[in-house]
Amino acid sequence: MKHNRCNLICLLLLVGVAVAQDKPRVYLQAVSQGNTWNAFRDQSIEMAKDFEKDCPGVTLTIAQQKADYTVILSHIEVGWFARDNQIEIANKYGDVLSAVDKSGIKGGVKDVCQIILADWQRQTTPKPEARAAPPESVAPDNSVGARQRFAEAADKKLKGESAGFAEVVSTTLVVHSIYADKDHYDALIGDHGFTAELRRRGFTQFVYTDDGHKTFTWNTEPRAEPKAPFPF
């Protein structure tokens, strides 16, 4: 029974700590001057009363180094009716968020409370993850001219390497090459970038031949695993 009671108390303490950490910690500081006895009171205590009543969303602390916000009050009281209260709010980095000028401390605390809670929400609300823009799809260019330009680029490369030539026959790209063997063919159709480009240009068939005993034809989905590309 004693063990269970301890577990319950420990659980309640942990819950209390978690709830307290969900609230911003506020440190109160006051400087007061005037010619009445009330001017010499510690006005931070008056602020604390108003915070407890009108700003339950914060936790007051006397440890400034652990505070998320510091509220500084400058209180002036002359005679029985002349009062002025200037309140400055700063975050834990010392950056001033705002300054409030009020005749009464209670009204100033309400304004300060709104400023602190709004800033705390901005600081603690998880920012949405930036989503990468989807890659822009390349519009197909399957015109006769596009196929011809593609074949001319391949032809230029092959002739530059003294390896053969390329030509277009309707919607078929024919590559005549001295390198036309099974390994080179598998590398070509295994290069998804190459086969995707053929489709985009409107080719329905790819013929790879050495104009001798070896001719390879592709007109379906790539069958070979991707290998080192054999680019044009």
C-alpha atoms as a PDB file:
ATOM      1  CA  MET A   1       0.000   0.000   0.000  1.00  0.00           C
ATOM      2  CA  LYS A   2       2.819   2.385   0.944  1.00  0.00           C
ATOM      3  CA  HIS A   3       4.627   1.522  -2.289  1.00  0.00           C
ATOM      4  CA  ASN A   4       1.507   2.220  -4.363  1.00  0.00           C
ATOM      5  CA  ARG A   5       0.960   5.508  -2.546  1.00  0.00           C
ATOM      6  CA  CYS A   6       4.525   6.559  -3.339  1.00  0.00           C
ATOM      7  CA  ASN A   7       4.031   5.691  -6.990  1.00  0.00           C
ATOM      8  CA  LEU A   8       0.880   7.814  -7.110  1.00  0.00           C
ATOM      9  CA  ILE A   9       2.577  10.783  -5.441  1.00  0.00           C
ATOM     10  CA  CYS A  10       5.621  10.491  -7.723  1.00  0.00           C
ATOM     11  CA  LEU A  11       3.345  10.352 -10.744  1.00  0.00           C
ATOM     12  CA  LEU A  12       1.463  13.455  -9.619  1.00  0.00           C
ATOM     13  CA  LEU A  13       4.746  15.291  -9.059  1.00  0.00           C
ATOM     14  CA  LEU A  14       5.975  14.356 -12.529  1.00  0.00           C
ATOM     15  CA  VAL A  15       2.714  15.498 -14.074  1.00  0.00           C
ATOM     16  CA  GLY A  16       2.956  18.761 -12.158  1.00  0.00           C
ATOM     17  CA  VAL A  17       6.494  19.338 -13.405  1.00  0.00           C
ATOM     18  CA  ALA A  18       5.455  18.604 -16.992  1.00  0.00           C
ATOM     19  CA  VAL A  19       2.540  21.025 -16.764  1.00  0.00           C
ATOM     20  CA  ALA A  20       4.748  23.724 -15.247  1.00  0.00           C
ATOM     21  CA  GLN A  21       7.270  23.322 -18.063  1.00  0.00           C
ATOM     22  CA  ASP A  22       4.523  23.915 -20.599  1.00  0.00           C
ATOM     23  CA  LYS A  23       4.179  27.451 -19.221  1.00  0.00           C
ATOM     24  CA  PRO A  24       6.694  30.257 -19.680  1.00  0.00           C
ATOM     25  CA  ARG A  25       8.627  31.185 -16.551  1.00  0.00           C
ATOM     26  CA  VAL A  26       8.416  34.886 -15.708  1.00  0.00           C
ATOM     27  CA  TYR A  27      10.741  36.834 -13.424  1.00  0.00           C
ATOM     28  CA  LEU A  28       9.383  40.089 -11.938  1.00  0.00           C
ATOM     29  CA  GLN A  29      11.515  43.112 -11.120  1.00  0.00           C
ATOM     30  CA  ALA A  30      10.402  46.549  -9.891  1.00  0.00           C
ATOM     31  CA  VAL A  31      11.923  49.956  -9.269  1.00  0.00           C
ATOM     32  CA  SER A  32       9.713  52.378  -7.316  1.00  0.00           C
ATOM     33  CA  GLN A  33      10.047  56.044  -6.440  1.00  0.00           C
ATOM     34  CA  GLY A  34       7.817  58.803  -5.099  1.00  0.00           C
ATOM     35  CA  ASN A  35       6.898  60.782  -1.986  1.00  0.00           C
ATOM     36  CA  THR A  36       4.383  58.456  -0.353  1.00  0.00           C
ATOM     37  CA  TRP A  37       4.915  55.415   1.850  1.00  0.00           C
ATOM     38  CA  ASN A  38       3.330  53.231  -0.822  1.00  0.00           C
ATOM     39  CA  ALA A  39       6.014  54.247  -3.314  1.00  0.00           C
ATOM     40  CA  PHE A  40       8.604  52.446  -1.213  1.00  0.00           C
ATOM     41  CA  ARG A  41       6.819  49.096  -1.281  1.00  0.00           C
ATOM     42  CA  ASP A  42       8.160  46.283  -3.477  1.00  0.00           C
ATOM     43  CA  GLN A  43       5.773  46.620  -6.394  1.00  0.00           C
ATOM     44  CA  SER A  44       6.935  43.303  -7.857  1.00  0.00           C
ATOM     45  CA  ILE A  45       4.821  41.663  -5.170  1.00  0.00           C
ATOM     46  CA  GLU A  46       1.809  43.640  -6.364  1.00  0.00           C
ATOM     47  CA  MET A  47       2.556  42.468  -9.906  1.00  0.00           C
ATOM     48  CA  ALA A  48       2.800  38.875  -8.677  1.00  0.00           C
ATOM     49  CA  LYS A  49      -0.694  39.100  -7.189  1.00  0.00           C
ATOM     50  CA  ASP A  50      -2.100  40.394 -10.458  1.00  0.00           C
ATOM     51  CA  PHE A  51      -0.265  37.749 -12.509  1.00  0.00           C
ATOM     52  CA  GLU A  52      -1.605  34.938 -10.323  1.00  0.00           C
ATOM     53  CA  LYS A  53      -5.134  36.270 -10.724  1.00  0.00           C
ATOM     54  CA  ASP A  54      -5.208  37.474 -14.331  1.00  0.00           C
ATOM     55  CA  CYS A  55      -2.443  35.475 -16.052  1.00  0.00           C
ATOM     56  CA  PRO A  56      -2.625  31.788 -15.040  1.00  0.00           C
ATOM     57  CA  GLY A  57      -0.857  30.831 -18.260  1.00  0.00           C
ATOM     58  CA  VAL A  58       2.568  31.728 -16.842  1.00  0.00           C
ATOM     59  CA  THR A  59       4.696  30.456 -13.968  1.00  0.00           C
ATOM     60  CA  LEU A  60       6.319  33.067 -11.744  1.00  0.00           C
ATOM     61  CA  THR A  61       9.890  32.425 -10.634  1.00  0.00           C
ATOM     62  CA  ILE A  62      12.405  34.176  -8.387  1.00  0.00           C
ATOM     63  CA  ALA A  63      15.331  32.605 -10.293  1.00  0.00           C
ATOM     64  CA  GLN A  64      16.025  35.058 -13.083  1.00  0.00           C
ATOM     65  CA  GLN A  65      18.583  32.781 -14.738  1.00  0.00           C
ATOM     66  CA  LYS A  66      15.847  30.178 -15.291  1.00  0.00           C
ATOM     67  CA  ALA A  67      13.219  32.627 -16.524  1.00  0.00           C
ATOM     68  CA  ASP A  68      11.946  32.695 -20.087  1.00  0.00           C
ATOM     69  CA  TYR A  69      10.839  36.314 -19.679  1.00  0.00           C
ATOM     70  CA  THR A  70      11.736  39.223 -17.421  1.00  0.00           C
ATOM     71  CA  VAL A  71       9.183  41.914 -16.608  1.00  0.00           C
ATOM     72  CA  ILE A  72      10.592  45.187 -15.264  1.00  0.00           C
ATOM     73  CA  LEU A  73       8.276  47.739 -13.663  1.00  0.00           C
ATOM     74  CA  SER A  74       9.152  51.379 -13.155  1.00  0.00           C
ATOM     75  CA  HIS A  75       6.623  52.729 -10.639  1.00  0.00           C
ATOM     76  CA  ILE A  76       6.243  56.418  -9.819  1.00  0.00           C
ATOM     77  CA  GLU A  77       3.798  57.611  -7.158  1.00  0.00           C
ATOM     78  CA  VAL A  78       3.494  61.271  -6.166  1.00  0.00           C
ATOM     79  CA  GLY A  79       0.746  62.283  -3.779  1.00  0.00           C
ATOM     80  CA  TRP A  80      -2.425  60.278  -3.478  1.00  0.00           C
ATOM     81  CA  PHE A  81      -3.552  60.330  -7.094  1.00  0.00           C
ATOM     82  CA  ALA A  82      -0.501  60.758  -9.374  1.00  0.00           C
ATOM     83  CA  ARG A  83       0.727  57.330 -10.446  1.00  0.00           C
ATOM     84  CA  ASP A  84       2.631  56.157 -13.490  1.00  0.00           C
ATOM     85  CA  ASN A  85       3.720  52.633 -14.374  1.00  0.00           C
ATOM     86  CA  GLN A  86       6.049  51.758 -17.205  1.00  0.00           C
ATOM     87  CA  ILE A  87       6.553  48.050 -17.852  1.00  0.00           C
ATOM     88  CA  GLU A  88       9.219  46.494 -20.086  1.00  0.00           C
ATOM     89  CA  ILE A  89       9.167  42.885 -21.263  1.00  0.00           C
ATOM     90  CA  ALA A  90      12.310  41.045 -22.395  1.00  0.00           C
ATOM     91  CA  ASN A  91      12.927  37.436 -23.409  1.00  0.00           C
ATOM     92  CA  LYS A  92      15.625  35.194 -21.922  1.00  0.00           C
ATOM     93  CA  TYR A  93      18.166  36.526 -24.410  1.00  0.00           C
ATOM     94  CA  GLY A  94      17.654  40.076 -23.162  1.00  0.00           C
ATOM     95  CA  ASP A  95      15.806  41.183 -26.278  1.00  0.00           C
ATOM     96  CA  VAL A  96      13.099  43.728 -25.469  1.00  0.00           C
ATOM     97  CA  LEU A  97       9.737  42.569 -26.809  1.00  0.00           C
ATOM     98  CA  SER A  98       7.621  45.547 -25.833  1.00  0.00           C
ATOM     99  CA  ALA A  99       7.070  48.394 -23.385  1.00  0.00           C
ATOM    100  CA  VAL A 100       3.738  49.252 -21.787  1.00  0.00           C
ATOM    101  CA  ASP A 101       2.760  52.566 -20.194  1.00  0.00           C
ATOM    102  CA  LYS A 102      -0.209  52.340 -17.809  1.00  0.00           C
ATOM    103  CA  SER A 103      -1.624  54.288 -14.908  1.00  0.00           C
ATOM    104  CA  GLY A 104      -2.407  51.082 -13.028  1.00  0.00           C
ATOM    105  CA  ILE A 105      -0.310  47.964 -12.462  1.00  0.00           C
ATOM    106  CA  LYS A 106      -3.293  45.633 -12.896  1.00  0.00           C
ATOM    107  CA  GLY A 107      -4.081  46.914 -16.390  1.00  0.00           C
ATOM    108  CA  GLY A 108      -0.405  46.762 -17.329  1.00  0.00           C
ATOM    109  CA  VAL A 109      -0.138  43.135 -16.198  1.00  0.00           C
ATOM    110  CA  LYS A 110      -3.058  42.135 -18.459  1.00  0.00           C
ATOM    111  CA  ASP A 111      -1.332  43.678 -21.486  1.00  0.00           C
ATOM    112  CA  VAL A 112       2.011  42.122 -20.553  1.00  0.00           C
ATOM    113  CA  CYS A 113       0.358  38.725 -20.134  1.00  0.00           C
ATOM    114  CA  GLN A 114      -1.014  38.827 -23.680  1.00  0.00           C
ATOM    115  CA  ILE A 115       2.394  39.823 -25.086  1.00  0.00           C
ATOM    116  CA  ILE A 116       4.206  37.009 -23.258  1.00  0.00           C
ATOM    117  CA  LEU A 117       1.694  34.293 -24.120  1.00  0.00           C
ATOM    118  CA  ALA A 118       1.595  35.308 -27.796  1.00  0.00           C
ATOM    119  CA  ASP A 119       5.389  35.239 -28.035  1.00  0.00           C
ATOM    120  CA  TRP A 120       5.579  31.938 -26.134  1.00  0.00           C
ATOM    121  CA  GLN A 121       3.132  30.350 -28.544  1.00  0.00           C
ATOM    122  CA  ARG A 122       5.224  31.491 -31.499  1.00  0.00           C
ATOM    123  CA  GLN A 123       8.336  30.059 -29.879  1.00  0.00           C
ATOM    124  CA  THR A 124       6.869  26.689 -28.915  1.00  0.00           C
ATOM    125  CA  THR A 125       4.554  25.930 -31.829  1.00  0.00           C
ATOM    126  CA  PRO A 126       6.314  23.394 -34.072  1.00  0.00           C
ATOM    127  CA  LYS A 127       7.092  24.864 -37.448  1.00  0.00           C
ATOM    128  CA  PRO A 128       5.771  22.844 -40.366  1.00  0.00           C
ATOM    129  CA  GLU A 129       8.454  20.973 -42.201  1.00  0.00           C
ATOM    130  CA  ALA A 130       9.304  22.490 -45.499  1.00  0.00           C
ATOM    131  CA  ARG A 131       8.225  20.130 -48.204  1.00  0.00           C
ATOM    132  CA  ALA A 132      10.448  19.775 -51.164  1.00  0.00           C
ATOM    133  CA  ALA A 133       8.799  20.892 -54.330  1.00  0.00           C
ATOM    134  CA  PRO A 134       8.021  17.926 -56.562  1.00  0.00           C
ATOM    135  CA  PRO A 135      10.430  17.627 -59.431  1.00  0.00           C
ATOM    136  CA  GLU A 136       9.156  19.273 -62.525  1.00  0.00           C
ATOM    137  CA  SER A 137       8.138  16.694 -65.067  1.00  0.00           C
ATOM    138  CA  VAL A 138       9.745  17.088 -68.425  1.00  0.00           C
ATOM    139  CA  ALA A 139       7.070  17.514 -71.024  1.00  0.00           C
ATOM    140  CA  PRO A 140       7.287  14.907 -73.775  1.00  0.00           C
ATOM    141  CA  ASP A 141       8.532  16.124 -77.129  1.00  0.00           C
ATOM    142  CA  ASN A 142       7.634  13.265 -79.446  1.00  0.00           C
ATOM    143  CA  SER A 143       7.668  15.177 -82.698  1.00  0.00           C
ATOM    144  CA  VAL A 144       9.485  13.942 -85.753  1.00  0.00           C
ATOM    145  CA  GLY A 145      11.963  16.798 -85.361  1.00  0.00           C
ATOM    146  CA  ALA A 146      12.692  15.835 -81.750  1.00  0.00           C
ATOM    147  CA  ARG A 147      13.462  12.255 -82.747  1.00  0.00           C
ATOM    148  CA  GLN A 148      15.659  13.462 -85.561  1.00  0.00           C
ATOM    149  CA  ARG A 149      17.631  15.793 -83.280  1.00  0.00           C
ATOM    150  CA  PHE A 150      18.133  12.983 -80.786  1.00  0.00           C
ATOM    151  CA  ALA A 151      19.436  10.665 -83.507  1.00  0.00           C
ATOM    152  CA  GLU A 152      21.710  13.400 -84.890  1.00  0.00           C
ATOM    153  CA  ALA A 153      23.307  13.856 -81.455  1.00  0.00           C
ATOM    154  CA  ALA A 154      23.910  10.112 -81.211  1.00  0.00           C
ATOM    155  CA  ASP A 155      25.221  10.040 -84.775  1.00  0.00           C
ATOM    156  CA  LYS A 156      27.650  12.879 -84.077  1.00  0.00           C
ATOM    157  CA  LYS A 157      29.044  11.128 -81.029  1.00  0.00           C
ATOM    158  CA  LEU A 158      29.435   7.796 -82.757  1.00  0.00           C
ATOM    159  CA  LYS A 159      31.167   9.348 -85.772  1.00  0.00           C
ATOM    160  CA  GLY A 160      33.403  11.365 -83.484  1.00  0.00           C
ATOM    161  CA  GLU A 161      34.572   8.136 -81.878  1.00  0.00           C
ATOM    162  CA  SER A 162      34.787   6.366 -85.266  1.00  0.00           C
ATOM    163  CA  ALA A 163      32.396   3.814 -83.802  1.00  0.00           C
ATOM    164  CA  GLY A 164      29.480   3.932 -86.256  1.00  0.00           C
ATOM    165  CA  PHE A 165      26.403   6.025 -86.916  1.00  0.00           C
ATOM    166  CA  ALA A 166      22.739   6.456 -85.892  1.00  0.00           C
ATOM    167  CA  GLU A 167      19.570   6.982 -87.893  1.00  0.00           C
ATOM    168  CA  VAL A 168      15.797   7.279 -87.457  1.00  0.00           C
ATOM    169  CA  VAL A 169      13.466   4.893 -89.226  1.00  0.00           C
ATOM    170  CA  SER A 170       9.911   6.075 -88.533  1.00  0.00           C
ATOM    171  CA  THR A 171       9.692   5.699 -84.734  1.00  0.00           C
ATOM    172  CA  THR A 172      12.714   3.425 -84.430  1.00  0.00           C
ATOM    173  CA  LEU A 173      16.168   4.569 -83.408  1.00  0.00           C
ATOM    174  CA  VAL A 174      18.795   2.442 -85.099  1.00  0.00           C
ATOM    175  CA  VAL A 175      22.355   2.571 -83.823  1.00  0.00           C
ATOM    176  CA  HIS A 176      25.033   0.954 -85.987  1.00  0.00           C
ATOM    177  CA  SER A 177      28.076   0.445 -83.800  1.00  0.00           C
ATOM    178  CA  ILE A 178      31.192  -1.674 -83.701  1.00  0.00           C
ATOM    179  CA  TYR A 179      30.536  -1.969 -79.948  1.00  0.00           C
ATOM    180  CA  ALA A 180      27.174  -3.691 -80.429  1.00  0.00           C
ATOM    181  CA  ASP A 181      27.382  -6.669 -78.088  1.00  0.00           C
ATOM    182  CA  LYS A 182      25.245  -8.061 -75.285  1.00  0.00           C
ATOM    183  CA  ASP A 183      27.062  -6.232 -72.490  1.00  0.00           C
ATOM    184  CA  HIS A 184      26.782  -2.823 -74.157  1.00  0.00           C
ATOM    185  CA  TYR A 185      23.149  -3.485 -75.036  1.00  0.00           C
ATOM    186  CA  ASP A 186      22.303  -4.456 -71.452  1.00  0.00           C
ATOM    187  CA  ALA A 187      24.026  -1.307 -70.205  1.00  0.00           C
ATOM    188  CA  LEU A 188      22.022   0.861 -72.579  1.00  0.00           C
ATOM    189  CA  ILE A 189      18.562  -0.499 -71.833  1.00  0.00           C
ATOM    190  CA  GLY A 190      19.468  -0.784 -68.150  1.00  0.00           C
ATOM    191  CA  ASP A 191      20.018   2.972 -68.062  1.00  0.00           C
ATOM    192  CA  HIS A 192      16.545   4.207 -67.132  1.00  0.00           C
ATOM    193  CA  GLY A 193      17.447   7.746 -68.103  1.00  0.00           C
ATOM    194  CA  PHE A 194      18.245   6.597 -71.630  1.00  0.00           C
ATOM    195  CA  THR A 195      15.082   4.521 -72.066  1.00  0.00           C
ATOM    196  CA  ALA A 196      12.931   7.283 -70.551  1.00  0.00           C
ATOM    197  CA  GLU A 197      14.404   9.740 -73.046  1.00  0.00           C
ATOM    198  CA  LEU A 198      13.575   7.374 -75.921  1.00  0.00           C
ATOM    199  CA  ARG A 199       9.954   7.230 -74.763  1.00  0.00           C
ATOM    200  CA  ARG A 200       9.810  10.997 -74.303  1.00  0.00           C
ATOM    201  CA  ARG A 201      10.972  11.478 -77.881  1.00  0.00           C
ATOM    202  CA  GLY A 202       8.267   9.123 -79.132  1.00  0.00           C
ATOM    203  CA  PHE A 203      10.498   6.194 -80.093  1.00  0.00           C
ATOM    204  CA  THR A 204       8.716   2.849 -79.938  1.00  0.00           C
ATOM    205  CA  GLN A 205      11.745   0.722 -80.696  1.00  0.00           C
ATOM    206  CA  PHE A 206      15.505   0.779 -80.293  1.00  0.00           C
ATOM    207  CA  VAL A 207      17.739  -1.341 -82.528  1.00  0.00           C
ATOM    208  CA  TYR A 208      21.396  -1.836 -81.667  1.00  0.00           C
ATOM    209  CA  THR A 209      23.432  -3.600 -84.311  1.00  0.00           C
ATOM    210  CA  ASP A 210      26.969  -4.175 -85.540  1.00  0.00           C
ATOM    211  CA  ASP A 211      25.601  -4.724 -89.058  1.00  0.00           C
ATOM    212  CA  GLY A 212      26.970  -8.250 -88.875  1.00  0.00           C
ATOM    213  CA  HIS A 213      25.766 -11.092 -86.739  1.00  0.00           C
ATOM    214  CA  LYS A 214      24.622  -9.109 -83.713  1.00  0.00           C
ATOM    215  CA  THR A 215      21.377  -7.192 -83.579  1.00  0.00           C
ATOM    216  CA  PHE A 216      19.515  -6.354 -80.367  1.00  0.00           C
ATOM    217  CA  THR A 217      16.029  -4.856 -80.240  1.00  0.00           C
ATOM    218  CA  TRP A 218      14.256  -3.118 -77.355  1.00  0.00           C
ATOM    219  CA  ASN A 219      10.539  -2.346 -77.505  1.00  0.00           C
ATOM    220  CA  THR A 220       9.315  -3.280 -74.028  1.00  0.00           C
ATOM    221  CA  GLU A 221      10.187  -2.367 -70.445  1.00  0.00           C
ATOM    222  CA  PRO A 222      13.913  -2.576 -69.634  1.00  0.00           C
ATOM    223  CA  ARG A 223      14.861  -6.138 -68.826  1.00  0.00           C
ATOM    224  CA  ALA A 224      18.417  -5.622 -67.673  1.00  0.00           C
ATOM    225  CA  GLU A 225      19.605  -4.334 -64.304  1.00  0.00           C
ATOM    226  CA  PRO A 226      21.083  -0.817 -64.469  1.00  0.00           C
ATOM    227  CA  LYS A 227      24.774  -0.866 -65.243  1.00  0.00           C
ATOM    228  CA  ALA A 228      27.357   1.756 -66.039  1.00  0.00           C
ATOM    229  CA  PRO A 229      25.699   3.874 -68.746  1.00  0.00           C
ATOM    230  CA  PHE A 230      26.874   3.877 -72.300  1.00  0.00           C
ATOM    231  CA  PRO A 231      25.714   7.415 -73.120  1.00  0.00           C
ATOM    232  CA  PHE A 232      25.509   9.156 -76.458  1.00  0.00           C
END
